Amino acid sequence: MARGAIGTLTAGSSTALVSTLVGLIGSVGLKLQIINLNLAVDRAQ
């Protein structure tokens, strides 16, 4: 019984960790795109 609960907890934690990492990587990628866009706008002016 305890092993099943630990396995379920581990699977849930793994899902949460992967979701967090995907969100973090996406956020950093989007921030880099915004920085590049702002630099291009500044150069065009």
PDB file of N, CA and C in Angstrom:
ATOM      1  N   MET A   1       0.820  -1.203   0.000  1.00  0.00           N
ATOM      2  CA  MET A   1       0.000   0.000   0.000  1.00  0.00           C
ATOM      3  C   MET A   1       0.861   1.262   0.000  1.00  0.00           C
ATOM      4  N   ALA A   2       1.875   1.300   0.839  1.00  0.00           N
ATOM      5  CA  ALA A   2       2.740   2.476   0.912  1.00  0.00           C
ATOM      6  C   ALA A   2       3.548   2.637  -0.373  1.00  0.00           C
ATOM      7  N   ARG A   3       3.956   1.512  -0.961  1.00  0.00           N
ATOM      8  CA  ARG A   3       4.736   1.596  -2.203  1.00  0.00           C
ATOM      9  C   ARG A   3       3.904   2.181  -3.347  1.00  0.00           C
ATOM     10  N   GLY A   4       2.647   1.812  -3.382  1.00  0.00           N
ATOM     11  CA  GLY A   4       1.773   2.362  -4.412  1.00  0.00           C
ATOM     12  C   GLY A   4       1.594   3.861  -4.246  1.00  0.00           C
ATOM     13  N   ALA A   5       1.472   4.309  -2.995  1.00  0.00           N
ATOM     14  CA  ALA A   5       1.322   5.742  -2.726  1.00  0.00           C
ATOM     15  C   ALA A   5       2.593   6.499  -3.085  1.00  0.00           C
ATOM     16  N   ILE A   6       3.725   5.902  -2.772  1.00  0.00           N
ATOM     17  CA  ILE A   6       5.007   6.550  -3.094  1.00  0.00           C
ATOM     18  C   ILE A   6       5.180   6.626  -4.610  1.00  0.00           C
ATOM     19  N   GLY A   7       4.801   5.575  -5.316  1.00  0.00           N
ATOM     20  CA  GLY A   7       4.896   5.588  -6.773  1.00  0.00           C
ATOM     21  C   GLY A   7       4.009   6.651  -7.388  1.00  0.00           C
ATOM     22  N   THR A   8       2.808   6.784  -6.864  1.00  0.00           N
ATOM     23  CA  THR A   8       1.890   7.814  -7.365  1.00  0.00           C
ATOM     24  C   THR A   8       2.435   9.209  -7.086  1.00  0.00           C
ATOM     25  N   LEU A   9       2.980   9.402  -5.897  1.00  0.00           N
ATOM     26  CA  LEU A   9       3.554  10.700  -5.528  1.00  0.00           C
ATOM     27  C   LEU A   9       4.738  11.041  -6.424  1.00  0.00           C
ATOM     28  N   THR A  10       5.578  10.053  -6.683  1.00  0.00           N
ATOM     29  CA  THR A  10       6.741  10.273  -7.542  1.00  0.00           C
ATOM     30  C   THR A  10       6.322  10.633  -8.963  1.00  0.00           C
ATOM     31  N   ALA A  11       5.312   9.942  -9.476  1.00  0.00           N
ATOM     32  CA  ALA A  11       4.830  10.245 -10.829  1.00  0.00           C
ATOM     33  C   ALA A  11       4.249  11.651 -10.894  1.00  0.00           C
ATOM     34  N   GLY A  12       3.512  12.049  -9.877  1.00  0.00           N
ATOM     35  CA  GLY A  12       2.954  13.400  -9.841  1.00  0.00           C
ATOM     36  C   GLY A  12       4.028  14.460  -9.751  1.00  0.00           C
ATOM     37  N   SER A  13       5.044  14.202  -8.943  1.00  0.00           N
ATOM     38  CA  SER A  13       6.150  15.160  -8.812  1.00  0.00           C
ATOM     39  C   SER A  13       6.917  15.277 -10.121  1.00  0.00           C
ATOM     40  N   SER A  14       7.087  14.161 -10.809  1.00  0.00           N
ATOM     41  CA  SER A  14       7.779  14.171 -12.087  1.00  0.00           C
ATOM     42  C   SER A  14       7.017  15.012 -13.106  1.00  0.00           C
ATOM     43  N   THR A  15       5.705  14.848 -13.141  1.00  0.00           N
ATOM     44  CA  THR A  15       4.878  15.631 -14.055  1.00  0.00           C
ATOM     45  C   THR A  15       4.978  17.117 -13.738  1.00  0.00           C
ATOM     46  N   ALA A  16       4.946  17.459 -12.470  1.00  0.00           N
ATOM     47  CA  ALA A  16       5.044  18.869 -12.068  1.00  0.00           C
ATOM     48  C   ALA A  16       6.402  19.448 -12.442  1.00  0.00           C
ATOM     49  N   LEU A  17       7.456  18.673 -12.274  1.00  0.00           N
ATOM     50  CA  LEU A  17       8.797  19.150 -12.602  1.00  0.00           C
ATOM     51  C   LEU A  17       8.945  19.382 -14.096  1.00  0.00           C
ATOM     52  N   VAL A  18       8.464  18.452 -14.892  1.00  0.00           N
ATOM     53  CA  VAL A  18       8.560  18.596 -16.346  1.00  0.00           C
ATOM     54  C   VAL A  18       7.752  19.804 -16.813  1.00  0.00           C
ATOM     55  N   SER A  19       6.562  19.974 -16.270  1.00  0.00           N
ATOM     56  CA  SER A  19       5.729  21.123 -16.644  1.00  0.00           C
ATOM     57  C   SER A  19       6.418  22.440 -16.298  1.00  0.00           C
ATOM     58  N   THR A  20       7.037  22.478 -15.137  1.00  0.00           N
ATOM     59  CA  THR A  20       7.753  23.686 -14.720  1.00  0.00           C
ATOM     60  C   THR A  20       8.930  23.978 -15.642  1.00  0.00           C
ATOM     61  N   LEU A  21       9.683  22.951 -15.990  1.00  0.00           N
ATOM     62  CA  LEU A  21      10.835  23.159 -16.874  1.00  0.00           C
ATOM     63  C   LEU A  21      10.409  23.612 -18.268  1.00  0.00           C
ATOM     64  N   VAL A  22       9.348  23.041 -18.793  1.00  0.00           N
ATOM     65  CA  VAL A  22       8.849  23.454 -20.109  1.00  0.00           C
ATOM     66  C   VAL A  22       8.394  24.915 -20.069  1.00  0.00           C
ATOM     67  N   GLY A  23       7.705  25.291 -19.009  1.00  0.00           N
ATOM     68  CA  GLY A  23       7.267  26.675 -18.862  1.00  0.00           C
ATOM     69  C   GLY A  23       8.437  27.632 -18.744  1.00  0.00           C
ATOM     70  N   LEU A  24       9.443  27.245 -17.993  1.00  0.00           N
ATOM     71  CA  LEU A  24      10.623  28.087 -17.811  1.00  0.00           C
ATOM     72  C   LEU A  24      11.377  28.272 -19.118  1.00  0.00           C
ATOM     73  N   ILE A  25      11.572  27.196 -19.851  1.00  0.00           N
ATOM     74  CA  ILE A  25      12.276  27.283 -21.126  1.00  0.00           C
ATOM     75  C   ILE A  25      11.480  28.123 -22.127  1.00  0.00           C
ATOM     76  N   GLY A  26      10.174  27.940 -22.154  1.00  0.00           N
ATOM     77  CA  GLY A  26       9.332  28.745 -23.034  1.00  0.00           C
ATOM     78  C   GLY A  26       9.380  30.213 -22.674  1.00  0.00           C
ATOM     79  N   SER A  27       9.387  30.507 -21.398  1.00  0.00           N
ATOM     80  CA  SER A  27       9.437  31.890 -20.938  1.00  0.00           C
ATOM     81  C   SER A  27      10.753  32.563 -21.324  1.00  0.00           C
ATOM     82  N   VAL A  28      11.841  31.868 -21.151  1.00  0.00           N
ATOM     83  CA  VAL A  28      13.146  32.423 -21.516  1.00  0.00           C
ATOM     84  C   VAL A  28      13.216  32.645 -23.033  1.00  0.00           C
ATOM     85  N   GLY A  29      12.707  31.691 -23.803  1.00  0.00           N
ATOM     86  CA  GLY A  29      12.696  31.852 -25.257  1.00  0.00           C
ATOM     87  C   GLY A  29      11.875  33.048 -25.691  1.00  0.00           C
ATOM     88  N   LEU A  30      10.710  33.223 -25.089  1.00  0.00           N
ATOM     89  CA  LEU A  30       9.864  34.368 -25.415  1.00  0.00           C
ATOM     90  C   LEU A  30      10.533  35.679 -25.016  1.00  0.00           C
ATOM     91  N   LYS A  31      11.189  35.708 -23.878  1.00  0.00           N
ATOM     92  CA  LYS A  31      11.882  36.925 -23.432  1.00  0.00           C
ATOM     93  C   LYS A  31      12.996  37.292 -24.410  1.00  0.00           C
ATOM     94  N   LEU A  32      13.720  36.292 -24.902  1.00  0.00           N
ATOM     95  CA  LEU A  32      14.774  36.568 -25.882  1.00  0.00           C
ATOM     96  C   LEU A  32      14.195  37.142 -27.176  1.00  0.00           C
ATOM     97  N   GLN A  33      13.041  36.637 -27.596  1.00  0.00           N
ATOM     98  CA  GLN A  33      12.405  37.168 -28.792  1.00  0.00           C
ATOM     99  C   GLN A  33      11.968  38.623 -28.590  1.00  0.00           C
ATOM    100  N   ILE A  34      11.462  38.937 -27.415  1.00  0.00           N
ATOM    101  CA  ILE A  34      11.045  40.317 -27.116  1.00  0.00           C
ATOM    102  C   ILE A  34      12.246  41.252 -27.114  1.00  0.00           C
ATOM    103  N   ILE A  35      13.350  40.796 -26.546  1.00  0.00           N
ATOM    104  CA  ILE A  35      14.575  41.610 -26.537  1.00  0.00           C
ATOM    105  C   ILE A  35      15.044  41.862 -27.970  1.00  0.00           C
ATOM    106  N   ASN A  36      15.042  40.810 -28.798  1.00  0.00           N
ATOM    107  CA  ASN A  36      15.457  40.977 -30.198  1.00  0.00           C
ATOM    108  C   ASN A  36      14.536  41.928 -30.946  1.00  0.00           C
ATOM    109  N   LEU A  37      13.243  41.841 -30.703  1.00  0.00           N
ATOM    110  CA  LEU A  37      12.290  42.732 -31.347  1.00  0.00           C
ATOM    111  C   LEU A  37      12.524  44.181 -30.919  1.00  0.00           C
ATOM    112  N   ASN A  38      12.748  44.393 -29.637  1.00  0.00           N
ATOM    113  CA  ASN A  38      13.015  45.756 -29.148  1.00  0.00           C
ATOM    114  C   ASN A  38      14.303  46.319 -29.746  1.00  0.00           C
ATOM    115  N   LEU A  39      15.330  45.490 -29.882  1.00  0.00           N
ATOM    116  CA  LEU A  39      16.580  45.953 -30.489  1.00  0.00           C
ATOM    117  C   LEU A  39      16.360  46.310 -31.956  1.00  0.00           C
ATOM    118  N   ALA A  40      15.570  45.524 -32.662  1.00  0.00           N
ATOM    119  CA  ALA A  40      15.301  45.806 -34.088  1.00  0.00           C
ATOM    120  C   ALA A  40      14.513  47.104 -34.234  1.00  0.00           C
ATOM    121  N   VAL A  41      13.573  47.346 -33.358  1.00  0.00           N
ATOM    122  CA  VAL A  41      12.784  48.585 -33.406  1.00  0.00           C
ATOM    123  C   VAL A  41      13.678  49.779 -33.108  1.00  0.00           C
ATOM    124  N   ASP A  42      14.560  49.649 -32.138  1.00  0.00           N
ATOM    125  CA  ASP A  42      15.484  50.743 -31.803  1.00  0.00           C
ATOM    126  C   ASP A  42      16.417  51.057 -32.967  1.00  0.00           C
ATOM    127  N   ARG A  43      16.875  50.035 -33.678  1.00  0.00           N
ATOM    128  CA  ARG A  43      17.771  50.244 -34.824  1.00  0.00           C
ATOM    129  C   ARG A  43      17.031  50.908 -35.984  1.00  0.00           C
ATOM    130  N   ALA A  44      15.753  50.606 -36.130  1.00  0.00           N
ATOM    131  CA  ALA A  44      14.975  51.152 -37.247  1.00  0.00           C
ATOM    132  C   ALA A  44      14.647  52.635 -37.044  1.00  0.00           C
ATOM    133  N   GLN A  45      14.716  53.094 -35.822  1.00  0.00           N
ATOM    134  CA  GLN A  45      14.352  54.502 -35.551  1.00  0.00           C
ATOM    135  C   GLN A  45      15.497  55.436 -35.764  1.00  0.00           C
TER     136      GLN A  45
END
